[in-house]
Protein backbone atom coordinates (compact mmCIF):
# COMPACT_ATOMS: atom_id res chain seq x y z
CA MET A 1 11.37 0.16 -7.04
CA ARG A 2 8.98 3.08 -7.36
CA VAL A 3 8.01 5.19 -4.33
CA LEU A 4 5.42 7.93 -3.98
CA VAL A 5 6.68 10.48 -1.44
CA ALA A 6 3.96 12.66 0.10
CA HIS A 7 4.87 15.75 2.10
CA ASN A 8 3.19 19.02 3.08
CA ARG A 9 6.05 21.50 3.04
CA TYR A 10 6.32 24.01 5.86
CA ARG A 11 6.22 27.75 5.27
CA ARG A 12 9.42 29.32 3.98
CA ALA A 13 9.15 32.01 6.65
CA LEU A 14 9.84 29.27 9.22
CA PRO A 15 13.00 27.50 8.02
CA SER A 16 12.36 23.77 8.34
CA GLY A 17 14.92 21.07 8.86
CA GLU A 18 12.15 18.65 7.90
CA ASN A 19 11.82 20.19 4.42
CA ILE A 20 15.57 19.96 3.95
CA GLY A 21 15.61 16.37 5.20
CA VAL A 22 12.88 15.30 2.77
CA ASP A 23 14.66 16.97 -0.15
CA ARG A 24 17.94 15.28 0.74
CA GLU A 25 16.25 11.92 1.15
CA VAL A 26 14.51 12.12 -2.22
CA ALA A 27 17.82 12.97 -3.91
CA ALA A 28 19.58 10.10 -2.12
CA LEU A 29 16.86 7.61 -3.09
CA ARG A 30 17.18 8.63 -6.72
CA ASP A 31 20.95 8.23 -6.48
CA ARG A 32 20.28 4.63 -5.35
CA GLY A 33 18.21 3.98 -8.47
CA VAL A 34 14.78 4.33 -6.84
CA THR A 35 12.13 6.08 -8.94
CA VAL A 36 10.52 8.75 -6.76
CA ASP A 37 7.27 10.53 -7.55
CA LEU A 38 6.31 13.54 -5.44
CA LEU A 39 2.91 14.40 -4.03
CA LEU A 40 3.67 17.76 -2.42
CA ALA A 41 1.58 20.52 -0.87
CA GLU A 42 2.93 23.96 -0.02
CA SER A 43 1.73 25.74 3.11
CA ASP A 44 2.86 29.01 1.47
CA ASP A 45 0.08 28.54 -1.11
CA ILE A 46 -2.58 29.15 1.56
CA ALA A 47 -1.95 32.90 1.42
CA GLY A 48 -3.08 32.92 -2.21
CA PHE A 49 -6.23 30.79 -1.75
CA GLY A 50 -9.48 32.13 -3.15
CA LEU A 51 -12.71 32.31 -1.18
CA GLY A 52 -13.82 28.79 -2.06
CA GLN A 53 -10.48 27.28 -1.05
CA ARG A 54 -10.48 29.22 2.21
CA LEU A 55 -13.95 27.97 3.09
CA THR A 56 -12.83 24.35 2.71
CA LEU A 57 -9.45 24.86 4.41
CA PRO A 58 -10.62 23.89 7.95
CA ALA A 59 -11.71 20.48 6.63
CA ARG A 60 -8.52 19.65 4.74
CA PRO A 61 -6.49 18.28 7.68
CA THR A 62 -9.26 15.68 8.05
CA TRP A 63 -10.21 15.04 4.42
CA SER A 64 -9.18 16.70 1.15
CA ALA A 65 -10.93 16.16 -2.17
CA THR A 66 -8.02 17.87 -3.92
CA THR A 67 -5.49 15.47 -2.40
CA ARG A 68 -7.66 12.43 -3.13
CA HIS A 69 -7.94 13.40 -6.80
CA ARG A 70 -4.20 14.05 -7.10
CA PHE A 71 -3.36 10.82 -5.30
CA ARG A 72 -5.65 8.65 -7.44
CA THR A 73 -4.38 10.26 -10.63
CA MET A 74 -0.76 9.67 -9.64
CA ILE A 75 -1.11 6.03 -8.61
CA GLU A 76 -3.05 5.19 -11.75
CA ALA A 77 -0.40 6.83 -13.93
CA GLN A 78 2.76 5.94 -11.98
CA ARG A 79 1.78 2.70 -10.20
CA PRO A 80 4.17 3.03 -7.23
CA ASP A 81 5.19 0.08 -5.08
CA LEU A 82 4.62 1.94 -1.82
CA VAL A 83 3.76 5.32 -0.33
CA HIS A 84 6.17 7.19 1.95
CA LEU A 85 4.36 9.87 3.95
CA HIS A 86 6.09 12.63 5.85
CA ASN A 87 4.01 15.59 7.09
CA PRO A 88 0.31 15.44 6.10
CA TYR A 89 -0.80 18.78 7.60
CA PRO A 90 -2.60 20.96 6.81
CA LEU A 91 -3.32 20.31 3.12
CA LEU A 92 -2.71 16.61 2.41
CA SER A 93 -4.52 14.87 5.32
CA PRO A 94 -3.89 11.47 6.94
CA ALA A 95 -6.85 10.23 4.86
CA LEU A 96 -4.15 9.50 2.27
CA VAL A 97 -3.25 6.43 4.37
CA ASN A 98 -6.77 5.05 3.88
CA TRP A 99 -6.73 5.74 0.14
CA ALA A 100 -3.38 3.95 -0.19
CA ALA A 101 -4.65 0.95 1.78
CA ALA A 102 -7.75 0.79 -0.43
CA ALA A 103 -5.45 0.71 -3.46
CA GLY A 104 -3.40 -2.12 -1.95
CA LEU A 105 -0.32 0.04 -1.39
CA PRO A 106 1.79 -0.29 1.77
CA VAL A 107 2.49 2.94 3.64
CA VAL A 108 5.45 4.06 5.73
CA GLN A 109 5.59 7.35 7.58
CA THR A 110 8.67 9.17 8.78
CA VAL A 111 7.72 10.73 12.11
CA HIS A 112 9.83 13.87 12.42
CA ASN A 113 8.23 15.24 15.59
CA VAL A 114 5.54 14.49 18.18
CA ARG A 115 2.57 15.99 16.31
CA HIS A 116 0.78 12.66 16.63
CA VAL A 117 0.33 13.63 20.29
CA CYS A 118 0.87 17.41 20.44
CA LEU A 119 -0.70 19.99 18.12
CA ALA A 120 2.50 22.03 18.17
CA GLY A 121 4.60 18.94 17.56
CA THR A 122 7.02 20.03 20.27
CA PHE A 123 5.58 19.39 23.75
CA ALA A 124 6.23 23.09 24.35
CA ARG A 125 4.20 26.26 24.82
CA ASP A 126 5.38 29.82 25.37
CA GLY A 127 8.98 28.68 25.55
CA GLU A 128 8.37 26.14 28.31
CA PRO A 129 7.73 22.35 28.34
CA CYS A 130 4.04 21.43 28.11
CA ARG A 131 2.25 18.07 28.11
CA ASP A 132 -1.30 19.29 28.73
CA CYS A 133 -2.71 17.33 25.76
CA ALA A 134 -0.94 14.03 26.46
CA GLY A 135 -3.40 11.23 27.14
CA ARG A 136 -6.49 13.22 26.12
CA ARG A 137 -8.93 11.88 23.54
CA PHE A 138 -9.46 15.43 22.28
CA PRO A 139 -6.61 17.96 22.71
CA TRP A 140 -8.64 20.86 24.08
CA PRO A 141 -5.71 22.66 25.76
CA GLY A 142 -3.91 22.90 22.41
CA VAL A 143 -7.02 24.43 20.84
CA VAL A 144 -7.54 26.92 23.67
CA HIS A 145 -3.91 28.05 23.50
CA GLY A 146 -3.78 28.09 19.67
CA CYS A 147 -0.78 25.78 19.65
CA TYR A 148 -0.95 25.03 15.89
CA ARG A 149 0.06 27.96 13.67
CA GLY A 150 -0.51 30.28 16.65
CA ALA A 151 -4.30 30.42 16.23
CA ARG A 152 -7.36 28.66 17.61
CA GLY A 153 -9.04 28.08 14.22
CA PRO A 154 -6.20 26.04 12.66
CA SER A 155 -5.65 24.34 16.04
CA LEU A 156 -9.29 23.24 16.17
CA ALA A 157 -9.08 21.92 12.59
CA LEU A 158 -5.99 19.89 13.48
CA ALA A 159 -7.54 18.64 16.73
CA VAL A 160 -10.56 17.36 14.79
CA ALA A 161 -8.22 15.60 12.34
CA HIS A 162 -6.32 14.01 15.24
CA THR A 163 -9.56 12.62 16.65
CA ALA A 164 -11.05 11.53 13.32
CA HIS A 165 -7.89 9.70 12.22
CA ARG A 166 -7.02 7.94 15.46
CA ARG A 167 -7.75 4.58 13.81
CA THR A 168 -6.30 5.60 10.44
CA TRP A 169 -2.77 5.35 11.79
CA SER A 170 -3.29 1.64 12.51
CA ARG A 171 -3.13 1.10 8.74
CA VAL A 172 0.45 2.39 8.45
CA ASP A 173 2.89 -0.48 7.87
CA ARG A 174 5.95 1.21 9.43
CA PHE A 175 6.46 4.31 11.50
CA ILE A 176 10.03 5.54 11.04
CA ALA A 177 10.84 7.68 14.08
CA VAL A 178 13.83 9.98 13.69
CA SER A 179 15.03 9.31 17.26
CA ASP A 180 14.48 7.05 20.25
CA TYR A 181 12.73 9.95 21.97
CA VAL A 182 10.14 10.29 19.18
CA ALA A 183 9.63 6.51 19.06
CA ASP A 184 9.04 6.34 22.81
CA GLU A 185 6.50 9.18 22.70
CA ILE A 186 4.41 7.86 19.82
CA ILE A 187 4.40 4.32 21.25
CA ALA A 188 3.28 5.72 24.62
CA ALA A 189 0.49 7.49 22.76
CA GLY A 190 -0.78 4.20 21.34
CA LEU A 191 0.95 3.67 18.01
CA PRO A 192 2.08 0.03 17.59
CA ALA A 193 5.55 -0.69 18.95
CA GLY A 194 5.93 -3.67 16.59
CA ARG A 195 5.62 -1.38 13.59
CA THR A 196 7.79 1.44 14.88
CA VAL A 197 11.48 1.63 14.01
CA VAL A 198 14.13 4.27 14.62
CA ARG A 199 16.21 5.73 11.81
CA ALA A 200 18.05 9.04 12.00
CA ASN A 201 18.15 11.30 8.96
CA GLY A 202 21.39 11.21 6.99
CA ILE A 203 23.62 14.28 6.69
CA PRO A 204 25.82 14.81 3.60
CA ASP A 205 29.53 14.50 4.37
CA PRO A 206 31.24 17.93 4.25
CA GLY A 207 34.64 16.24 4.02
CA TRP A 208 37.33 15.57 6.56
CA PRO A 209 37.15 18.26 9.25
CA THR A 210 39.73 20.94 9.89
CA ALA A 211 41.18 21.58 13.34
CA PRO A 212 38.70 23.25 15.70
CA GLY A 213 38.18 26.94 15.12
CA SER A 214 37.47 29.39 17.95
CA GLY A 215 34.60 29.98 20.30
CA VAL A 216 31.00 28.80 20.28
CA LEU A 217 28.33 28.75 17.59
CA PHE A 218 24.57 28.80 18.14
CA ALA A 219 22.50 28.10 15.02
CA GLY A 220 18.74 27.88 15.30
CA ARG A 221 15.52 29.75 15.94
CA LEU A 222 16.07 32.73 18.21
CA SER A 223 13.35 31.90 20.71
CA ALA A 224 12.92 31.04 24.36
CA GLU A 225 12.35 27.32 23.78
CA LYS A 226 15.65 27.08 21.89
CA GLY A 227 17.43 28.59 24.90
CA ILE A 228 19.25 31.45 23.19
CA ASP A 229 18.56 33.56 26.30
CA VAL A 230 20.25 30.87 28.41
CA LEU A 231 23.38 31.20 26.28
CA LEU A 232 23.39 35.01 26.41
CA GLU A 233 23.00 34.99 30.19
CA ALA A 234 25.84 32.48 30.52
CA TRP A 235 28.03 34.76 28.43
CA ALA A 236 27.14 37.88 30.39
CA ASP A 237 27.51 36.30 33.83
CA VAL A 238 30.65 34.24 33.52
CA ARG A 239 32.69 36.30 31.07
CA LEU A 240 34.30 33.67 28.91
CA ARG A 241 35.83 36.40 26.75
CA PRO A 242 38.11 37.10 25.00
CA TRP A 243 39.28 33.59 24.19
CA ALA A 244 35.79 32.29 23.42
CA PRO A 245 33.82 34.43 20.97
CA LEU A 246 30.12 33.64 20.62
CA ARG A 247 28.57 33.61 17.14
CA ILE A 248 24.79 33.40 16.72
CA ALA A 249 23.01 32.39 13.51
CA GLY A 250 19.28 32.34 12.86
CA ASP A 251 16.18 34.46 13.24
CA GLY A 252 13.16 34.59 15.50
CA PRO A 253 11.30 36.57 18.15
CA LEU A 254 14.40 37.19 20.29
CA ARG A 255 16.43 38.65 17.44
CA ALA A 256 16.35 42.15 18.97
CA ARG A 257 17.88 40.84 22.18
CA VAL A 258 20.62 39.05 20.22
CA GLN A 259 21.33 42.17 18.18
CA ALA A 260 21.53 44.26 21.35
CA ALA A 261 23.99 41.80 22.88
CA ALA A 262 26.13 41.89 19.74
CA ALA A 263 26.07 45.70 19.69
CA SER A 264 27.22 45.97 23.32
CA ASP A 265 29.74 43.13 23.39
CA PRO A 266 32.51 42.84 20.78
CA ASP A 267 32.85 39.12 21.54
CA VAL A 268 29.25 38.39 20.49
CA GLU A 269 28.55 38.35 16.76
CA TYR A 270 25.12 38.02 15.14
CA LEU A 271 25.43 36.28 11.78
CA GLY A 272 21.75 36.38 10.78
CA PRO A 273 20.06 33.54 8.86
CA LEU A 274 22.54 31.33 6.99
CA ASP A 275 22.24 29.23 3.85
CA HIS A 276 23.80 25.76 3.56
CA TYR A 277 27.24 26.99 2.51
CA GLN A 278 27.35 29.79 5.08
CA MET A 279 26.35 27.33 7.76
CA SER A 280 29.16 24.98 6.81
CA ALA A 281 31.63 27.87 7.02
CA ALA A 282 30.28 28.91 10.43
CA LEU A 283 30.70 25.36 11.75
CA THR A 284 34.26 25.28 10.44
CA ASP A 285 35.04 28.58 12.19
CA ALA A 286 33.73 27.32 15.57
CA ALA A 287 35.30 25.07 18.17
CA VAL A 288 32.05 24.08 19.88
CA VAL A 289 28.35 24.16 18.96
CA ALA A 290 25.75 25.07 21.59
CA VAL A 291 22.20 23.65 21.56
CA PRO A 292 20.79 25.02 24.86
CA SER A 293 17.19 23.92 24.21
CA ARG A 294 14.89 24.04 27.23
CA THR A 295 12.02 22.14 25.54
CA PRO A 296 12.15 18.66 23.93
CA GLU A 297 13.94 18.27 20.60
CA ALA A 298 13.07 15.45 18.18
CA LEU A 299 16.30 15.44 16.15
CA PRO A 300 17.87 18.90 15.76
CA THR A 301 19.76 18.84 12.47
CA VAL A 302 22.51 21.08 13.80
CA VAL A 303 23.78 18.26 16.06
CA PRO A 304 24.70 15.72 13.35
CA GLU A 305 25.90 18.60 11.16
CA ALA A 306 28.27 19.63 13.95
CA PHE A 307 29.43 16.03 14.31
CA ALA A 308 30.05 15.83 10.56
CA HIS A 309 32.30 18.90 10.83
CA GLY A 310 34.15 17.39 13.80
CA ARG A 311 32.74 19.85 16.34
CA ALA A 312 31.82 19.09 19.94
CA VAL A 313 28.24 19.84 21.02
CA ILE A 314 26.93 21.18 24.32
CA ALA A 315 23.23 20.34 24.59
CA GLY A 316 20.32 20.87 26.93
CA GLN A 317 19.10 17.80 28.78
CA VAL A 318 15.78 17.50 26.93
CA GLY A 319 14.10 15.29 24.31
CA ALA A 320 16.42 13.38 22.00
CA LEU A 321 19.54 15.37 22.93
CA PRO A 322 20.75 13.10 25.78
CA SER A 323 20.66 10.11 23.41
CA MET A 324 22.70 11.99 20.79
CA VAL A 325 25.29 13.78 22.91
CA ASP A 326 27.52 12.55 25.76
CA ASP A 327 30.78 13.58 27.39
CA ARG A 328 32.82 11.93 24.63
CA VAL A 329 31.45 14.26 21.94
CA GLY A 330 30.55 17.24 24.12
CA ALA A 331 28.29 17.62 27.14
CA VAL A 332 24.64 17.39 28.16
CA VAL A 333 23.64 19.76 30.96
CA ALA A 334 20.60 21.47 32.42
CA PRO A 335 19.61 24.39 30.13
CA GLU A 336 20.61 27.00 32.69
CA PRO A 337 23.32 29.71 32.46
CA GLY A 338 25.64 28.34 35.17
CA PRO A 339 25.86 24.72 34.00
CA PHE A 340 26.11 25.83 30.40
CA ALA A 341 29.01 28.16 31.11
CA GLU A 342 30.90 25.39 32.93
CA ALA A 343 30.29 23.01 30.01
CA VAL A 344 31.57 25.62 27.56
CA ARG A 345 34.80 25.93 29.54
CA ALA A 346 35.30 22.17 29.66
CA CYS A 347 34.56 21.57 25.97
CA LEU A 348 36.68 24.48 24.74
CA GLY A 349 39.56 23.07 26.74
CA ASP A 350 39.13 19.66 25.10
CA ALA A 351 37.75 20.67 21.70
CA THR A 352 40.16 18.60 19.61
CA ALA A 353 39.57 15.24 21.30
CA ARG A 354 35.82 15.70 21.52
CA GLY A 355 35.75 16.91 17.94
CA HIS A 356 37.46 13.71 16.77
CA ALA A 357 34.91 11.67 18.73
CA ALA A 358 32.09 13.74 17.21
CA ARG A 359 33.33 12.98 13.70
CA ALA A 360 33.49 9.27 14.56
CA ARG A 361 29.92 9.46 15.89
CA TYR A 362 28.81 10.99 12.59
CA LEU A 363 30.45 8.22 10.56
CA GLU A 364 28.83 5.57 12.78
CA GLU A 365 25.29 6.94 12.88
CA TYR A 366 24.47 9.86 10.59
CA THR A 367 25.90 9.36 7.11
CA VAL A 368 23.62 9.36 4.08
CA THR A 369 24.86 5.87 3.18
CA ARG A 370 23.80 4.47 6.55
CA ALA A 371 20.45 6.24 6.42
CA MET A 372 19.71 4.99 2.90
CA ASP A 373 20.75 1.42 3.69
CA ARG A 374 18.35 1.43 6.62
CA LEU A 375 15.51 3.04 4.66
CA LEU A 376 15.80 0.61 1.75
CA ALA A 377 15.83 -2.28 4.23
CA ILE A 378 12.59 -0.95 5.75
CA TYR A 379 11.04 -0.67 2.30
CA GLY A 380 12.08 -4.27 1.62
CA GLU A 381 10.53 -5.52 4.87
CA VAL A 382 7.26 -3.76 4.11
CA LEU A 383 7.08 -5.00 0.53
CA ASP A 384 7.86 -8.56 1.63
């Protein structure tokens, strides 16, 4: 089997679990004997665009001559069996679906977020839930608020692409949603339920977990929507110290607040951004992982990674999190300081049992083997 994988990579300044997931999936497909060709675009390249490229940039989410030429050249040379699209914005364009259909190639798309319905892809704005664009034929609120890339110009370009390609998505053979939450949202927005399936991304096995470490780990973007302020307030108000140190990994607009908390409290440690190996070590050192998100999450990678390491998870009651986490593997609570502090106490007191259940959940639902079996089955259904 030969597959053409198309993906517009996100900027390196904004660490992307989606980029990591695509890279892992490509490697796993090749390990299964699938020949994978890559049609990639890099959002980082935009900074180096010349005048001519910048003038055409607003049109590229809707239609890209560069992508069409690259696509036609690749399918003529490589002759893939199908096209697997991930993120088309801003440089590839959903028009790729039409070009594939014209060439007689089936298309599947992994839907990693809710950008089909929300310009930000998050149903969030300014750190709070937002559904102002849901149900609109043209997402004006997202343009006015600059929800895509933080600016009105790129948001308008994406809004035009959304409107222009409303019918294009009907030509996709399978939508592969990463969670039940994402599937429900895109079906509610009008994508065909009969062609939408759910398949979680696979996480490489770090090996059999050690006994729980100590304290709580937060790993993610340091921003209001991720709830890092909720966690800091819980720590300050309830005083879980000294038997429950809090370690915080990541970067973002609330970094100064995190650094101030770490400077004033010896039981709070700021680890900074972590690479894959450092992240694995931080999970090993923790007893519990906190995901206090206050806005919907599609499939936060840190949850299955925590499960793989045998660590319980305390999650905010938003998006996909309630379908991933329960009281066997952790806790799901309102993303508020009081409930989160109580959940931390409960999970730290039962970290071993919930950690064993978390590891079992990983083996049942999030291994690379399971993810690849499901993906290859979807490919087979589409090709048949």
